[in-house]
Structure formats: C-alpha cells, structure tokens
Amino acid sequence: MRALMVAVGGILLLTTATRGLAAFDLVGTTRVGARVEPNAVVWLEAAAAPGRETRKVVLDQRNLTFSPHVLAVRAGATVEFPNRDRVFHNVFSFHDGKRFDLGMYPVGASRDVTFGTPGVSRIFCNIHPNMAAYVIAVDSGYFAASDASGRFQIAAVPAGTYVYHAWHPGGATLTGSATVDGETPLNVRWP
C-alpha cells in the first residue's frame, strides 16, 4: 500500500510539474564562517506567495527567557506574548521595527502585537535585563528560521529561481540567488 501511495504521489507531482506548478521544500544551512548559525532567518522574494499568516504565532516567556530567541513571521501577523513564568514581565521594543510597550503583566496573562510592516524588532523586558529576543517580519510567504543545527526548510515553494535574503542577530542582511528544484540546497554563509 505504501509503495502504491508513493507511486501515486510521484504521478501527481509529475502531473503538477507538467502544468508548471511543481512545488518543493527548499532546504539549506546557515553558517557564520565555519560555525553553524542557529538563529538565522531566510526568506524569498516571491510575488505569488501564499496569503496572510494563519498559524498562531507565540513568543513565550518562561524561565526568565523569551522562546524562541528569533521568531520569523510574515508582515501583518499578530504575535502572542504569554507570561508562563513565575514573575511579572514587561515586554517592549523601542528600537527598529515595531515599537510597543505592553506594560507589566502577571503570570498567566497574555498580550498581542501585530507586526504590520517588514522589519527587525528587538524585544526586551524592562524588569529582567537579560531577557532579549528578535521578531523578524518579512514581506514574503516563503521564510524559515534555522534550527540549533543551522538547518532550515521553506515548505512548498514553486520551482524556479528566487532572490533570497538572510539575516542573523548582529550580522548584515545577505542577498543572493536561490534555485528551487527539489535537489539544490541553499547554503547561506556570512564571512
């Protein structure tokens, strides 16, 4: 049965490809010099990207830490900031990107912020100076953040050649060319 489903999937992919609609997952790695970069965001310029952000997006507060450290969202997405810690927090961003101050709020409470335009927002807690994170809003439906191994996957990208952009904390934004064909990985490296 499994072999049959794979064969059927292959036929469907072939049929879709002949219509010019083939889509593949773009996989790759991010590195700074020789070391892997676990907190990079990679996105593609694409005029026909999928619609608005529909998934629930959360930047958690737990153990006096924001999690994840780097959160990538599509511009227009609303991010939830729940306090799952044992203390009060105050989430704010006064630098680049979206500027806001959610005020102090207790354990179990949550606040939302909509990131309406592309940009990098540095997120802090004025009660706990060691807490810091980034929200990167991108103007694309095709984006991903790299994991602890520096790997990323951008799902279901139509085949073709794209301009990509890549960012990581403290680094310059890189721009280059990416081929999406189901075979060619995108390996991003900062000097």
N, C-alpha and C. Protein backbone atom coordinates (compact mmCIF):
# COMPACT_ATOMS: atom_id res chain seq x y z
N MET A 1 0.82 -1.19 0.00
CA MET A 1 0.00 0.00 0.00
C MET A 1 0.87 1.26 0.00
N ARG A 2 1.93 1.26 0.85
CA ARG A 2 2.81 2.43 0.91
C ARG A 2 3.48 2.68 -0.44
N ALA A 3 3.98 1.63 -1.09
CA ALA A 3 4.61 1.80 -2.41
C ALA A 3 3.62 2.39 -3.40
N LEU A 4 2.38 1.97 -3.30
CA LEU A 4 1.35 2.49 -4.19
C LEU A 4 1.12 3.98 -3.95
N MET A 5 1.09 4.40 -2.65
CA MET A 5 0.89 5.81 -2.35
C MET A 5 2.07 6.64 -2.84
N VAL A 6 3.28 6.13 -2.71
CA VAL A 6 4.45 6.85 -3.21
C VAL A 6 4.36 6.98 -4.71
N ALA A 7 3.99 5.89 -5.38
CA ALA A 7 3.86 5.94 -6.84
C ALA A 7 2.77 6.92 -7.24
N VAL A 8 1.66 6.90 -6.55
CA VAL A 8 0.59 7.84 -6.86
C VAL A 8 1.06 9.26 -6.61
N GLY A 9 1.77 9.48 -5.48
CA GLY A 9 2.32 10.81 -5.20
C GLY A 9 3.26 11.26 -6.30
N GLY A 10 4.09 10.37 -6.80
CA GLY A 10 5.01 10.70 -7.88
C GLY A 10 4.27 11.08 -9.14
N ILE A 11 3.19 10.37 -9.44
CA ILE A 11 2.39 10.68 -10.62
C ILE A 11 1.74 12.05 -10.46
N LEU A 12 1.22 12.33 -9.25
CA LEU A 12 0.60 13.64 -9.01
C LEU A 12 1.64 14.75 -9.15
N LEU A 13 2.84 14.54 -8.63
CA LEU A 13 3.89 15.54 -8.75
C LEU A 13 4.27 15.74 -10.20
N LEU A 14 4.39 14.65 -10.94
CA LEU A 14 4.73 14.75 -12.35
C LEU A 14 3.64 15.50 -13.11
N THR A 15 2.38 15.18 -12.81
CA THR A 15 1.28 15.87 -13.46
C THR A 15 1.31 17.36 -13.13
N THR A 16 1.54 17.69 -11.88
CA THR A 16 1.61 19.08 -11.48
C THR A 16 2.79 19.76 -12.16
N ALA A 17 3.93 19.07 -12.26
CA ALA A 17 5.12 19.66 -12.87
C ALA A 17 4.87 19.97 -14.34
N THR A 18 4.15 19.10 -15.02
CA THR A 18 3.91 19.36 -16.44
C THR A 18 3.02 20.57 -16.64
N ARG A 19 2.25 20.95 -15.64
CA ARG A 19 1.43 22.15 -15.72
C ARG A 19 2.21 23.39 -15.26
N GLY A 20 3.46 23.21 -14.82
CA GLY A 20 4.27 24.33 -14.37
C GLY A 20 4.00 24.73 -12.93
N LEU A 21 3.39 23.85 -12.13
CA LEU A 21 3.01 24.19 -10.77
C LEU A 21 3.79 23.39 -9.72
N ALA A 22 4.87 22.74 -10.07
CA ALA A 22 5.61 21.92 -9.12
C ALA A 22 6.11 22.77 -7.97
N ALA A 23 6.00 22.24 -6.77
CA ALA A 23 6.49 22.93 -5.59
C ALA A 23 7.37 21.97 -4.81
N PHE A 24 8.42 22.51 -4.21
CA PHE A 24 9.37 21.70 -3.46
C PHE A 24 9.69 22.40 -2.16
N ASP A 25 10.18 21.64 -1.19
CA ASP A 25 10.70 22.23 0.03
C ASP A 25 12.13 22.67 -0.25
N LEU A 26 12.43 23.92 0.06
CA LEU A 26 13.79 24.43 -0.07
C LEU A 26 14.48 24.22 1.27
N VAL A 27 15.52 23.41 1.27
CA VAL A 27 16.27 23.13 2.49
C VAL A 27 17.66 23.75 2.36
N GLY A 28 18.27 23.98 3.51
CA GLY A 28 19.61 24.54 3.49
C GLY A 28 20.17 24.70 4.88
N THR A 29 21.33 25.34 4.95
CA THR A 29 22.01 25.59 6.21
C THR A 29 22.45 27.04 6.27
N THR A 30 22.65 27.51 7.48
CA THR A 30 23.17 28.86 7.70
C THR A 30 24.42 28.75 8.55
N ARG A 31 25.45 29.49 8.12
CA ARG A 31 26.74 29.48 8.83
C ARG A 31 27.28 30.90 8.91
N VAL A 32 28.01 31.13 9.99
CA VAL A 32 28.82 32.33 10.11
C VAL A 32 30.25 31.82 10.17
N GLY A 33 31.00 32.07 9.11
CA GLY A 33 32.33 31.47 9.00
C GLY A 33 32.18 29.96 8.96
N ALA A 34 32.88 29.27 9.86
CA ALA A 34 32.82 27.81 9.89
C ALA A 34 31.75 27.27 10.84
N ARG A 35 31.21 28.13 11.70
CA ARG A 35 30.23 27.62 12.69
C ARG A 35 28.80 27.74 12.17
N VAL A 36 27.95 26.83 12.61
CA VAL A 36 26.54 26.88 12.22
C VAL A 36 25.87 28.05 12.93
N GLU A 37 24.87 28.61 12.29
CA GLU A 37 24.12 29.74 12.86
C GLU A 37 22.69 29.29 13.13
N PRO A 38 22.36 29.07 14.42
CA PRO A 38 21.03 28.56 14.75
C PRO A 38 19.92 29.61 14.78
N ASN A 39 20.23 30.86 14.64
CA ASN A 39 19.21 31.90 14.78
C ASN A 39 19.11 32.78 13.55
N ALA A 40 19.23 32.20 12.38
CA ALA A 40 19.14 32.97 11.14
C ALA A 40 17.73 32.86 10.57
N VAL A 41 17.34 33.87 9.81
CA VAL A 41 16.06 33.86 9.11
C VAL A 41 16.37 34.00 7.62
N VAL A 42 15.76 33.13 6.82
CA VAL A 42 15.94 33.14 5.36
C VAL A 42 14.56 33.31 4.74
N TRP A 43 14.45 34.23 3.77
CA TRP A 43 13.17 34.40 3.08
C TRP A 43 13.41 34.68 1.60
N LEU A 44 12.39 34.36 0.80
CA LEU A 44 12.46 34.51 -0.65
C LEU A 44 11.56 35.65 -1.10
N GLU A 45 12.02 36.39 -2.11
CA GLU A 45 11.14 37.35 -2.78
C GLU A 45 10.25 36.55 -3.71
N ALA A 46 8.95 36.70 -3.55
CA ALA A 46 8.02 35.94 -4.38
C ALA A 46 6.72 36.71 -4.52
N ALA A 47 6.40 37.08 -5.75
CA ALA A 47 5.18 37.85 -5.99
C ALA A 47 3.92 37.04 -5.72
N ALA A 48 3.97 35.74 -5.97
CA ALA A 48 2.77 34.90 -5.82
C ALA A 48 2.84 34.06 -4.55
N ALA A 49 3.26 34.67 -3.45
CA ALA A 49 3.38 33.94 -2.19
C ALA A 49 2.00 33.65 -1.61
N PRO A 50 1.90 32.64 -0.75
CA PRO A 50 0.62 32.33 -0.12
C PRO A 50 0.07 33.53 0.65
N GLY A 51 -1.21 33.45 1.02
CA GLY A 51 -1.90 34.55 1.70
C GLY A 51 -1.37 34.88 3.08
N ARG A 52 -2.19 35.54 3.86
CA ARG A 52 -1.81 36.02 5.19
C ARG A 52 -1.39 34.89 6.12
N GLU A 53 -0.68 35.28 7.18
CA GLU A 53 -0.27 34.35 8.24
C GLU A 53 -1.53 33.80 8.91
N THR A 54 -1.67 32.49 8.96
CA THR A 54 -2.86 31.89 9.57
C THR A 54 -2.54 31.08 10.82
N ARG A 55 -1.28 30.74 11.01
CA ARG A 55 -0.93 29.95 12.19
C ARG A 55 -0.87 30.86 13.42
N LYS A 56 -1.05 30.26 14.60
CA LYS A 56 -0.91 31.00 15.84
C LYS A 56 0.58 31.19 16.10
N VAL A 57 0.99 32.43 16.30
CA VAL A 57 2.41 32.74 16.48
C VAL A 57 2.62 33.18 17.92
N VAL A 58 3.56 32.54 18.61
CA VAL A 58 3.78 32.78 20.03
C VAL A 58 5.25 33.05 20.30
N LEU A 59 5.53 34.11 21.06
CA LEU A 59 6.85 34.34 21.63
C LEU A 59 6.66 34.18 23.14
N ASP A 60 7.09 33.05 23.65
CA ASP A 60 6.83 32.63 25.01
C ASP A 60 7.78 33.30 26.00
N GLN A 61 7.33 33.44 27.23
CA GLN A 61 8.17 33.91 28.33
C GLN A 61 8.14 32.84 29.41
N ARG A 62 9.29 32.21 29.61
CA ARG A 62 9.38 31.12 30.58
C ARG A 62 10.81 31.05 31.09
N ASN A 63 10.99 30.83 32.38
CA ASN A 63 12.32 30.74 33.00
C ASN A 63 13.17 31.97 32.69
N LEU A 64 12.54 33.15 32.75
CA LEU A 64 13.20 34.44 32.50
C LEU A 64 13.89 34.48 31.15
N THR A 65 13.25 33.86 30.15
CA THR A 65 13.77 33.79 28.79
C THR A 65 12.63 33.91 27.80
N PHE A 66 12.91 34.56 26.68
CA PHE A 66 11.97 34.53 25.55
C PHE A 66 12.28 33.30 24.72
N SER A 67 11.24 32.64 24.25
CA SER A 67 11.44 31.45 23.42
C SER A 67 10.41 31.46 22.29
N PRO A 68 10.90 31.40 21.05
CA PRO A 68 12.28 31.26 20.61
C PRO A 68 13.03 32.59 20.71
N HIS A 69 14.35 32.51 20.62
CA HIS A 69 15.18 33.71 20.66
C HIS A 69 14.96 34.56 19.40
N VAL A 70 14.76 33.91 18.26
CA VAL A 70 14.47 34.59 16.99
C VAL A 70 13.17 34.01 16.44
N LEU A 71 12.21 34.88 16.18
CA LEU A 71 10.91 34.47 15.66
C LEU A 71 10.69 35.16 14.32
N ALA A 72 10.46 34.38 13.28
CA ALA A 72 10.17 34.92 11.95
C ALA A 72 8.67 34.84 11.70
N VAL A 73 8.10 35.94 11.21
CA VAL A 73 6.67 36.00 10.88
C VAL A 73 6.49 36.75 9.57
N ARG A 74 5.36 36.55 8.97
CA ARG A 74 5.01 37.33 7.78
C ARG A 74 4.47 38.68 8.23
N ALA A 75 4.85 39.75 7.56
CA ALA A 75 4.34 41.07 7.89
C ALA A 75 2.81 41.02 7.92
N GLY A 76 2.22 41.57 8.96
CA GLY A 76 0.78 41.53 9.16
C GLY A 76 0.37 40.52 10.22
N ALA A 77 1.30 39.67 10.65
CA ALA A 77 0.98 38.64 11.64
C ALA A 77 0.86 39.25 13.03
N THR A 78 -0.01 38.64 13.83
CA THR A 78 -0.14 39.01 15.24
C THR A 78 0.59 37.98 16.07
N VAL A 79 1.46 38.45 16.96
CA VAL A 79 2.25 37.58 17.83
C VAL A 79 1.69 37.68 19.24
N GLU A 80 1.49 36.53 19.85
CA GLU A 80 1.02 36.45 21.24
C GLU A 80 2.23 36.36 22.16
N PHE A 81 2.22 37.12 23.26
CA PHE A 81 3.29 37.14 24.25
C PHE A 81 2.74 36.66 25.60
N PRO A 82 2.57 35.34 25.79
CA PRO A 82 2.06 34.86 27.07
C PRO A 82 3.15 34.87 28.15
N ASN A 83 2.74 35.17 29.38
CA ASN A 83 3.65 35.10 30.51
C ASN A 83 3.44 33.76 31.20
N ARG A 84 4.33 32.83 30.94
CA ARG A 84 4.25 31.50 31.56
C ARG A 84 5.34 31.33 32.62
N ASP A 85 5.78 32.44 33.13
CA ASP A 85 6.83 32.44 34.14
C ASP A 85 6.19 32.53 35.53
N ARG A 86 7.02 32.65 36.55
CA ARG A 86 6.52 32.75 37.92
C ARG A 86 6.55 34.19 38.42
N VAL A 87 6.86 35.14 37.54
CA VAL A 87 7.01 36.54 37.92
C VAL A 87 6.35 37.45 36.88
N PHE A 88 6.20 38.72 37.22
CA PHE A 88 5.70 39.71 36.27
C PHE A 88 6.74 39.93 35.17
N HIS A 89 6.25 40.33 33.98
CA HIS A 89 7.12 40.73 32.88
C HIS A 89 6.57 42.00 32.25
N ASN A 90 7.44 42.68 31.52
CA ASN A 90 7.05 43.84 30.72
C ASN A 90 7.75 43.70 29.38
N VAL A 91 7.01 43.44 28.33
CA VAL A 91 7.58 43.23 27.00
C VAL A 91 7.51 44.54 26.23
N PHE A 92 8.64 44.92 25.62
CA PHE A 92 8.66 46.16 24.86
C PHE A 92 9.69 46.09 23.75
N SER A 93 9.54 47.02 22.78
CA SER A 93 10.50 47.21 21.71
C SER A 93 10.50 48.69 21.36
N PHE A 94 11.64 49.36 21.61
CA PHE A 94 11.73 50.80 21.34
C PHE A 94 12.73 51.10 20.23
N HIS A 95 13.28 50.09 19.62
CA HIS A 95 14.33 50.30 18.62
C HIS A 95 13.72 50.19 17.22
N ASP A 96 14.44 49.56 16.32
CA ASP A 96 13.97 49.39 14.93
C ASP A 96 12.69 48.55 14.91
N GLY A 97 12.07 48.50 13.75
CA GLY A 97 10.88 47.66 13.58
C GLY A 97 9.67 48.21 14.32
N LYS A 98 8.87 47.33 14.85
CA LYS A 98 7.64 47.69 15.56
C LYS A 98 7.98 48.21 16.95
N ARG A 99 7.46 49.39 17.28
CA ARG A 99 7.69 49.98 18.61
C ARG A 99 6.43 49.78 19.45
N PHE A 100 6.60 49.23 20.65
CA PHE A 100 5.47 48.99 21.54
C PHE A 100 5.97 48.78 22.97
N ASP A 101 5.06 48.92 23.91
CA ASP A 101 5.32 48.63 25.32
C ASP A 101 4.03 48.02 25.88
N LEU A 102 4.10 46.75 26.29
CA LEU A 102 2.90 46.05 26.75
C LEU A 102 2.62 46.26 28.23
N GLY A 103 3.49 46.99 28.93
CA GLY A 103 3.28 47.21 30.36
C GLY A 103 3.52 45.93 31.15
N MET A 104 3.48 46.06 32.46
CA MET A 104 3.69 44.88 33.31
C MET A 104 2.44 44.00 33.32
N TYR A 105 2.68 42.69 33.24
CA TYR A 105 1.54 41.78 33.37
C TYR A 105 1.95 40.48 34.06
N PRO A 106 0.99 39.87 34.79
CA PRO A 106 1.30 38.75 35.68
C PRO A 106 1.33 37.40 34.98
N VAL A 107 1.70 36.42 35.76
CA VAL A 107 1.69 35.02 35.33
C VAL A 107 0.31 34.67 34.80
N GLY A 108 0.26 33.97 33.67
CA GLY A 108 -1.00 33.53 33.09
C GLY A 108 -1.63 34.53 32.14
N ALA A 109 -1.18 35.78 32.18
CA ALA A 109 -1.74 36.78 31.27
C ALA A 109 -1.00 36.74 29.94
N SER A 110 -1.60 37.32 28.92
CA SER A 110 -1.00 37.34 27.60
C SER A 110 -1.36 38.66 26.92
N ARG A 111 -0.47 39.12 26.06
CA ARG A 111 -0.70 40.33 25.27
C ARG A 111 -0.37 40.01 23.82
N ASP A 112 -0.99 40.73 22.89
CA ASP A 112 -0.77 40.53 21.46
C ASP A 112 -0.21 41.81 20.82
N VAL A 113 0.62 41.61 19.79
CA VAL A 113 1.15 42.71 19.00
C VAL A 113 1.08 42.30 17.54
N THR A 114 0.60 43.19 16.68
CA THR A 114 0.58 42.94 15.23
C THR A 114 1.79 43.63 14.61
N PHE A 115 2.57 42.86 13.86
CA PHE A 115 3.76 43.36 13.18
C PHE A 115 3.37 43.64 11.73
N GLY A 116 2.87 44.85 11.48
CA GLY A 116 2.24 45.20 10.21
C GLY A 116 3.16 45.46 9.05
N THR A 117 4.42 45.80 9.32
CA THR A 117 5.35 46.10 8.24
C THR A 117 6.62 45.28 8.41
N PRO A 118 7.34 45.01 7.32
CA PRO A 118 8.59 44.25 7.42
C PRO A 118 9.61 44.99 8.27
N GLY A 119 10.42 44.23 8.99
CA GLY A 119 11.49 44.82 9.79
C GLY A 119 11.90 43.93 10.93
N VAL A 120 12.97 44.33 11.59
CA VAL A 120 13.51 43.59 12.74
C VAL A 120 13.14 44.36 14.00
N SER A 121 12.49 43.68 14.93
CA SER A 121 12.14 44.28 16.22
C SER A 121 12.93 43.57 17.32
N ARG A 122 13.68 44.34 18.07
CA ARG A 122 14.41 43.79 19.21
C ARG A 122 13.48 43.86 20.41
N ILE A 123 13.28 42.73 21.07
CA ILE A 123 12.30 42.59 22.14
C ILE A 123 13.03 42.45 23.48
N PHE A 124 12.55 43.18 24.49
CA PHE A 124 13.16 43.15 25.82
C PHE A 124 12.09 43.13 26.90
N CYS A 125 12.53 42.88 28.13
CA CYS A 125 11.71 43.00 29.33
C CYS A 125 12.41 44.00 30.24
N ASN A 126 11.73 45.11 30.62
CA ASN A 126 12.43 46.12 31.42
C ASN A 126 12.62 45.69 32.87
N ILE A 127 12.00 44.62 33.29
CA ILE A 127 12.19 44.10 34.65
C ILE A 127 13.39 43.16 34.70
N HIS A 128 13.63 42.44 33.61
CA HIS A 128 14.70 41.43 33.54
C HIS A 128 15.62 41.76 32.37
N PRO A 129 16.71 42.49 32.61
CA PRO A 129 17.56 42.98 31.52
C PRO A 129 18.24 41.88 30.71
N ASN A 130 18.30 40.66 31.21
CA ASN A 130 18.93 39.57 30.45
C ASN A 130 17.99 38.98 29.41
N MET A 131 16.70 39.34 29.46
CA MET A 131 15.74 38.80 28.50
C MET A 131 15.79 39.61 27.21
N ALA A 132 16.06 38.94 26.11
CA ALA A 132 16.10 39.60 24.81
C ALA A 132 15.73 38.60 23.72
N ALA A 133 15.07 39.10 22.69
CA ALA A 133 14.69 38.26 21.55
C ALA A 133 14.52 39.17 20.34
N TYR A 134 14.24 38.56 19.19
CA TYR A 134 14.01 39.28 17.95
C TYR A 134 12.75 38.75 17.29
N VAL A 135 11.96 39.66 16.73
CA VAL A 135 10.86 39.28 15.84
C VAL A 135 11.20 39.89 14.49
N ILE A 136 11.31 39.03 13.47
CA ILE A 136 11.62 39.48 12.12
C ILE A 136 10.37 39.31 11.28
N ALA A 137 9.78 40.43 10.86
CA ALA A 137 8.61 40.39 9.99
C ALA A 137 9.10 40.54 8.56
N VAL A 138 8.73 39.60 7.70
CA VAL A 138 9.19 39.61 6.31
C VAL A 138 8.00 39.76 5.37
N ASP A 139 8.26 40.34 4.22
CA ASP A 139 7.23 40.57 3.21
C ASP A 139 7.23 39.42 2.22
N SER A 140 7.00 38.22 2.75
CA SER A 140 7.01 37.01 1.92
C SER A 140 6.28 35.90 2.66
N GLY A 141 5.68 35.02 1.91
CA GLY A 141 5.07 33.83 2.50
C GLY A 141 6.04 32.67 2.56
N TYR A 142 7.24 32.87 2.02
CA TYR A 142 8.25 31.80 1.98
C TYR A 142 9.43 32.19 2.85
N PHE A 143 9.45 31.68 4.07
CA PHE A 143 10.51 32.03 5.01
C PHE A 143 10.67 30.92 6.04
N ALA A 144 11.82 30.93 6.74
CA ALA A 144 12.07 29.98 7.81
C ALA A 144 13.20 30.49 8.68
N ALA A 145 13.22 30.04 9.93
CA ALA A 145 14.33 30.31 10.84
C ALA A 145 15.13 29.03 10.97
N SER A 146 16.43 29.18 11.10
CA SER A 146 17.29 27.99 11.21
C SER A 146 17.22 27.41 12.62
N ASP A 147 17.35 26.09 12.70
CA ASP A 147 17.28 25.38 13.98
C ASP A 147 18.64 25.35 14.66
N ALA A 148 18.76 24.57 15.74
CA ALA A 148 20.00 24.50 16.51
C ALA A 148 21.18 23.99 15.69
N SER A 149 20.91 23.28 14.61
CA SER A 149 21.97 22.76 13.73
C SER A 149 22.23 23.67 12.54
N GLY A 150 21.59 24.84 12.52
CA GLY A 150 21.76 25.75 11.40
C GLY A 150 20.97 25.36 10.17
N ARG A 151 20.07 24.38 10.30
CA ARG A 151 19.27 23.93 9.16
C ARG A 151 17.93 24.66 9.11
N PHE A 152 17.43 24.85 7.91
CA PHE A 152 16.10 25.44 7.73
C PHE A 152 15.39 24.74 6.59
N GLN A 153 14.07 24.90 6.55
CA GLN A 153 13.25 24.33 5.49
C GLN A 153 12.11 25.29 5.20
N ILE A 154 12.01 25.72 3.95
CA ILE A 154 10.91 26.56 3.50
C ILE A 154 10.01 25.65 2.67
N ALA A 155 8.80 25.43 3.15
CA ALA A 155 7.92 24.42 2.56
C ALA A 155 7.19 24.91 1.31
N ALA A 156 7.00 23.98 0.39
CA ALA A 156 6.10 24.13 -0.76
C ALA A 156 6.34 25.40 -1.59
N VAL A 157 7.58 25.58 -2.03
CA VAL A 157 7.93 26.72 -2.86
C VAL A 157 7.83 26.30 -4.33
N PRO A 158 7.12 27.05 -5.15
CA PRO A 158 7.05 26.72 -6.58
C PRO A 158 8.45 26.70 -7.19
N ALA A 159 8.70 25.76 -8.07
CA ALA A 159 10.01 25.65 -8.72
C ALA A 159 10.36 26.94 -9.43
N GLY A 160 11.65 27.27 -9.39
CA GLY A 160 12.11 28.48 -10.06
C GLY A 160 13.35 29.04 -9.39
N THR A 161 13.73 30.22 -9.84
CA THR A 161 14.88 30.92 -9.27
C THR A 161 14.36 32.17 -8.56
N TYR A 162 14.84 32.39 -7.35
CA TYR A 162 14.37 33.47 -6.49
C TYR A 162 15.54 34.28 -5.96
N VAL A 163 15.24 35.52 -5.60
CA VAL A 163 16.17 36.31 -4.80
C VAL A 163 15.88 35.92 -3.35
N TYR A 164 16.95 35.60 -2.60
CA TYR A 164 16.75 35.31 -1.18
C TYR A 164 17.43 36.39 -0.35
N HIS A 165 16.95 36.51 0.88
CA HIS A 165 17.56 37.38 1.88
C HIS A 165 17.78 36.53 3.12
N ALA A 166 18.86 36.82 3.85
CA ALA A 166 19.16 36.08 5.08
C ALA A 166 19.67 37.06 6.12
N TRP A 167 19.23 36.87 7.35
CA TRP A 167 19.58 37.75 8.47
C TRP A 167 19.90 36.90 9.68
N HIS A 168 20.81 37.38 10.51
CA HIS A 168 21.02 36.78 11.83
C HIS A 168 21.40 37.88 12.80
N PRO A 169 21.19 37.67 14.12
CA PRO A 169 21.49 38.72 15.09
C PRO A 169 22.93 39.20 14.97
N GLY A 170 23.10 40.50 14.87
CA GLY A 170 24.43 41.08 14.81
C GLY A 170 25.09 41.04 13.45
N GLY A 171 24.43 40.48 12.47
CA GLY A 171 25.03 40.37 11.14
C GLY A 171 24.31 41.21 10.11
N ALA A 172 24.97 41.40 8.99
CA ALA A 172 24.36 42.12 7.87
C ALA A 172 23.36 41.20 7.17
N THR A 173 22.37 41.80 6.52
CA THR A 173 21.43 41.02 5.72
C THR A 173 22.10 40.67 4.40
N LEU A 174 22.12 39.38 4.09
CA LEU A 174 22.70 38.91 2.82
C LEU A 174 21.59 38.81 1.78
N THR A 175 21.96 39.00 0.53
CA THR A 175 21.04 38.82 -0.59
C THR A 175 21.75 37.99 -1.64
N GLY A 176 21.03 37.04 -2.22
CA GLY A 176 21.61 36.19 -3.25
C GLY A 176 20.54 35.54 -4.08
N SER A 177 20.92 34.51 -4.80
CA SER A 177 20.01 33.80 -5.68
C SER A 177 19.84 32.36 -5.20
N ALA A 178 18.61 31.87 -5.23
CA ALA A 178 18.31 30.51 -4.81
C ALA A 178 17.53 29.80 -5.91
N THR A 179 17.91 28.56 -6.20
CA THR A 179 17.19 27.73 -7.16
C THR A 179 16.36 26.72 -6.39
N VAL A 180 15.08 26.68 -6.69
CA VAL A 180 14.18 25.72 -6.07
C VAL A 180 13.84 24.68 -7.11
N ASP A 181 14.41 23.47 -6.95
CA ASP A 181 14.19 22.40 -7.91
C ASP A 181 14.05 21.03 -7.24
N GLY A 182 13.99 21.01 -5.92
CA GLY A 182 13.87 19.75 -5.19
C GLY A 182 15.19 19.04 -4.99
N GLU A 183 16.27 19.58 -5.52
CA GLU A 183 17.57 18.93 -5.42
C GLU A 183 18.66 19.85 -4.88
N THR A 184 18.60 21.14 -5.19
CA THR A 184 19.68 22.06 -4.87
C THR A 184 19.43 22.72 -3.52
N PRO A 185 20.29 22.45 -2.50
CA PRO A 185 20.11 23.12 -1.21
C PRO A 185 20.59 24.56 -1.28
N LEU A 186 20.13 25.37 -0.37
CA LEU A 186 20.58 26.76 -0.25
C LEU A 186 21.46 26.85 0.98
N ASN A 187 22.75 27.00 0.78
CA ASN A 187 23.68 27.11 1.89
C ASN A 187 24.13 28.56 2.01
N VAL A 188 23.69 29.21 3.09
CA VAL A 188 23.94 30.62 3.31
C VAL A 188 25.14 30.74 4.26
N ARG A 189 26.10 31.60 3.90
CA ARG A 189 27.28 31.77 4.76
C ARG A 189 27.65 33.24 4.85
N TRP A 190 27.74 33.71 6.09
CA TRP A 190 28.29 35.04 6.35
C TRP A 190 29.79 34.89 6.57
N PRO A 191 30.57 35.90 6.18
CA PRO A 191 32.03 35.80 6.38
C PRO A 191 32.41 35.74 7.85
